[in-house]
Amino acid sequence: MNLEFDEEQYPELTAFRKACLAGRYEEMKEIAGRGHSWYENENPDDTSMERLATIFQAQYHANCGNLDELQRLILSASWVVNEGWTAQGWLPITQAASTHGARSVIDLLIEAGADLSLMVGDEDDRASIPDMARAGGHPDLAIYLAGE
């Protein structure tokens, strides 16, 4: 997951996501309070900064394949496995399925209660978790996730 963004197009998005990852809630609030155009996509439901940081951390660790960090996070906040990030509703399992496709990460998320029936993406372009695995170039994982 890329933490670095074009600061001309998305001012302070990099700093916001780094603050999420580090759990620096006051910094997140300060940046969000500046009215950046991207913020509505990052937090469409006006979730608390504490909860939003936890959601982003799960997304990040699932995307990067940081199994130990993801497991630690799930132990302290099991609800996070089915919480969407951004207006597109990305899930930890869709992050993992579409990037590296590591079965160890996928299995951890499934064991923790990841709902394989959830859909992600924009309202006019929804995708299933198996679809995300296919799009990421992991056809065998897509079959596994679809239960075929």
Protein backbone atom coordinates (compact mmCIF):
# COMPACT_ATOMS: atom_id res chain seq x y z
CA MET A 1 0.00 0.00 0.00
CA ASN A 2 1.43 3.28 -1.06
CA LEU A 3 1.70 5.83 1.72
CA GLU A 4 3.26 8.48 -0.52
CA PHE A 5 0.89 10.61 -2.59
CA ASP A 6 1.19 13.50 -5.01
CA GLU A 7 1.06 16.40 -2.57
CA GLU A 8 -0.03 18.83 -5.29
CA GLN A 9 -3.13 16.79 -6.05
CA TYR A 10 -3.70 15.41 -2.53
CA PRO A 11 -2.15 17.82 -0.04
CA GLU A 12 -1.34 16.17 3.29
CA LEU A 13 -2.84 12.77 2.39
CA THR A 14 0.56 11.16 2.93
CA ALA A 15 0.84 12.79 6.35
CA PHE A 16 -2.73 11.75 7.23
CA ARG A 17 -2.16 8.10 6.36
CA LYS A 18 1.19 8.04 8.19
CA ALA A 19 -0.57 9.50 11.23
CA CYS A 20 -3.22 6.76 10.93
CA LEU A 21 -0.54 4.10 10.82
CA ALA A 22 1.18 5.54 13.89
CA GLY A 23 -2.05 6.14 15.81
CA ARG A 24 -1.44 9.89 16.10
CA TYR A 25 -5.11 10.85 16.49
CA GLU A 26 -4.62 14.54 17.22
CA GLU A 27 -2.52 14.94 14.08
CA MET A 28 -5.20 13.11 12.09
CA LYS A 29 -7.88 15.48 13.47
CA GLU A 30 -5.76 18.51 12.68
CA ILE A 31 -5.15 17.45 9.08
CA ALA A 32 -8.79 16.41 8.55
CA GLY A 33 -9.94 19.76 9.92
CA ARG A 34 -8.22 21.60 7.09
CA GLY A 35 -11.00 20.61 4.67
CA HIS A 36 -8.98 18.72 2.06
CA SER A 37 -11.03 17.40 -0.86
CA TRP A 38 -9.73 13.85 -0.38
CA TYR A 39 -10.88 13.54 3.23
CA GLU A 40 -14.47 12.61 2.40
CA ASN A 41 -13.18 9.57 0.47
CA GLU A 42 -10.86 8.58 3.33
CA ASN A 43 -13.58 8.83 5.97
CA PRO A 44 -17.02 8.85 4.29
CA ASP A 45 -18.88 7.84 7.45
CA ASP A 46 -17.18 10.38 9.75
CA THR A 47 -15.70 7.58 11.83
CA SER A 48 -13.76 8.53 14.97
CA MET A 49 -10.05 9.00 14.41
CA GLU A 50 -9.22 6.15 16.78
CA ARG A 51 -11.42 3.72 14.88
CA LEU A 52 -10.28 5.06 11.50
CA ALA A 53 -6.62 4.57 12.47
CA THR A 54 -7.31 0.95 13.45
CA ILE A 55 -9.11 0.32 10.16
CA PHE A 56 -6.25 1.81 8.15
CA GLN A 57 -3.68 -0.19 10.10
CA ALA A 58 -5.52 -3.43 9.26
CA GLN A 59 -5.68 -2.43 5.59
CA TYR A 60 -2.00 -1.55 5.54
CA HIS A 61 -0.76 -4.70 7.28
CA ALA A 62 -3.00 -6.96 5.16
CA ASN A 63 -1.79 -5.23 2.00
CA CYS A 64 1.88 -5.51 2.96
CA GLY A 65 1.58 -9.09 4.24
CA ASN A 66 2.65 -8.11 7.77
CA LEU A 67 1.16 -11.22 9.34
CA ASP A 68 2.39 -10.63 12.91
CA GLU A 69 1.18 -7.02 12.99
CA LEU A 70 -2.15 -7.97 11.47
CA GLN A 71 -2.62 -10.79 13.96
CA ARG A 72 -1.79 -8.47 16.88
CA LEU A 73 -4.31 -5.94 15.61
CA ILE A 74 -7.05 -8.54 15.14
CA LEU A 75 -6.50 -9.83 18.69
CA SER A 76 -7.16 -6.35 20.07
CA ALA A 77 -9.91 -5.35 17.61
CA SER A 78 -11.47 -8.39 15.93
CA TRP A 79 -14.23 -6.23 14.38
CA VAL A 80 -11.66 -4.75 12.00
CA VAL A 81 -11.66 -7.73 9.61
CA ASN A 82 -14.97 -6.63 8.05
CA GLU A 83 -14.56 -2.85 8.26
CA GLY A 84 -14.25 -1.02 4.99
CA TRP A 85 -11.67 1.67 4.30
CA THR A 86 -12.45 4.66 2.09
CA ALA A 87 -15.65 5.26 0.18
CA GLN A 88 -14.85 2.16 -1.90
CA GLY A 89 -15.04 -0.03 1.20
CA TRP A 90 -11.72 -1.84 0.78
CA LEU A 91 -11.34 -4.65 3.30
CA PRO A 92 -8.21 -6.21 4.76
CA ILE A 93 -8.95 -9.38 2.79
CA THR A 94 -9.42 -7.50 -0.49
CA GLN A 95 -6.13 -5.71 0.11
CA ALA A 96 -4.33 -9.03 0.61
CA ALA A 97 -6.16 -10.83 -2.21
CA SER A 98 -5.48 -8.13 -4.77
CA THR A 99 -1.82 -7.54 -3.94
CA HIS A 100 0.29 -10.47 -2.77
CA GLY A 101 -2.39 -13.17 -2.37
CA ALA A 102 -0.56 -14.79 0.56
CA ARG A 103 -2.66 -17.65 1.89
CA SER A 104 -1.27 -17.16 5.40
CA VAL A 105 -2.76 -13.65 5.53
CA ILE A 106 -5.99 -14.73 3.80
CA ASP A 107 -6.44 -17.69 6.17
CA LEU A 108 -5.79 -15.51 9.23
CA LEU A 109 -8.51 -13.11 8.09
CA ILE A 110 -10.96 -15.94 7.34
CA GLU A 111 -10.29 -17.56 10.72
CA ALA A 112 -10.88 -14.16 12.33
CA GLY A 113 -14.31 -13.94 10.68
CA ALA A 114 -13.78 -12.16 7.37
CA ASP A 115 -17.10 -12.17 5.52
CA LEU A 116 -16.38 -13.54 2.04
CA SER A 117 -19.74 -12.30 0.74
CA LEU A 118 -18.88 -8.60 1.12
CA MET A 119 -18.45 -6.46 -1.97
CA VAL A 120 -16.09 -3.53 -2.50
CA GLY A 121 -15.64 -0.72 -4.98
CA ASP A 122 -17.64 2.23 -6.18
CA GLU A 123 -21.41 1.83 -6.21
CA ASP A 124 -21.44 1.46 -10.00
CA ASP A 125 -18.48 -0.94 -10.10
CA ARG A 126 -18.75 -3.51 -7.28
CA ALA A 127 -16.41 -6.50 -6.97
CA SER A 128 -16.40 -9.62 -4.84
CA ILE A 129 -13.42 -10.83 -2.87
CA PRO A 130 -12.71 -13.58 -5.45
CA ASP A 131 -12.97 -10.90 -8.17
CA MET A 132 -10.30 -8.89 -6.37
CA ALA A 133 -8.01 -11.92 -6.21
CA ARG A 134 -8.49 -12.49 -9.96
CA ALA A 135 -7.80 -8.83 -10.70
CA GLY A 136 -4.60 -9.12 -8.69
CA GLY A 137 -3.43 -12.06 -10.78
CA HIS A 138 -4.21 -14.80 -8.26
CA PRO A 139 -6.67 -17.14 -10.05
CA ASP A 140 -6.06 -20.10 -7.69
CA LEU A 141 -6.78 -17.88 -4.70
CA ALA A 142 -9.97 -16.67 -6.39
CA ILE A 143 -11.13 -20.29 -6.76
CA TYR A 144 -10.31 -20.96 -3.11
CA LEU A 145 -12.17 -17.85 -1.95
CA ALA A 146 -15.19 -18.69 -4.11
CA GLY A 147 -15.32 -22.16 -2.57
CA GLU A 148 -15.09 -23.83 -5.96
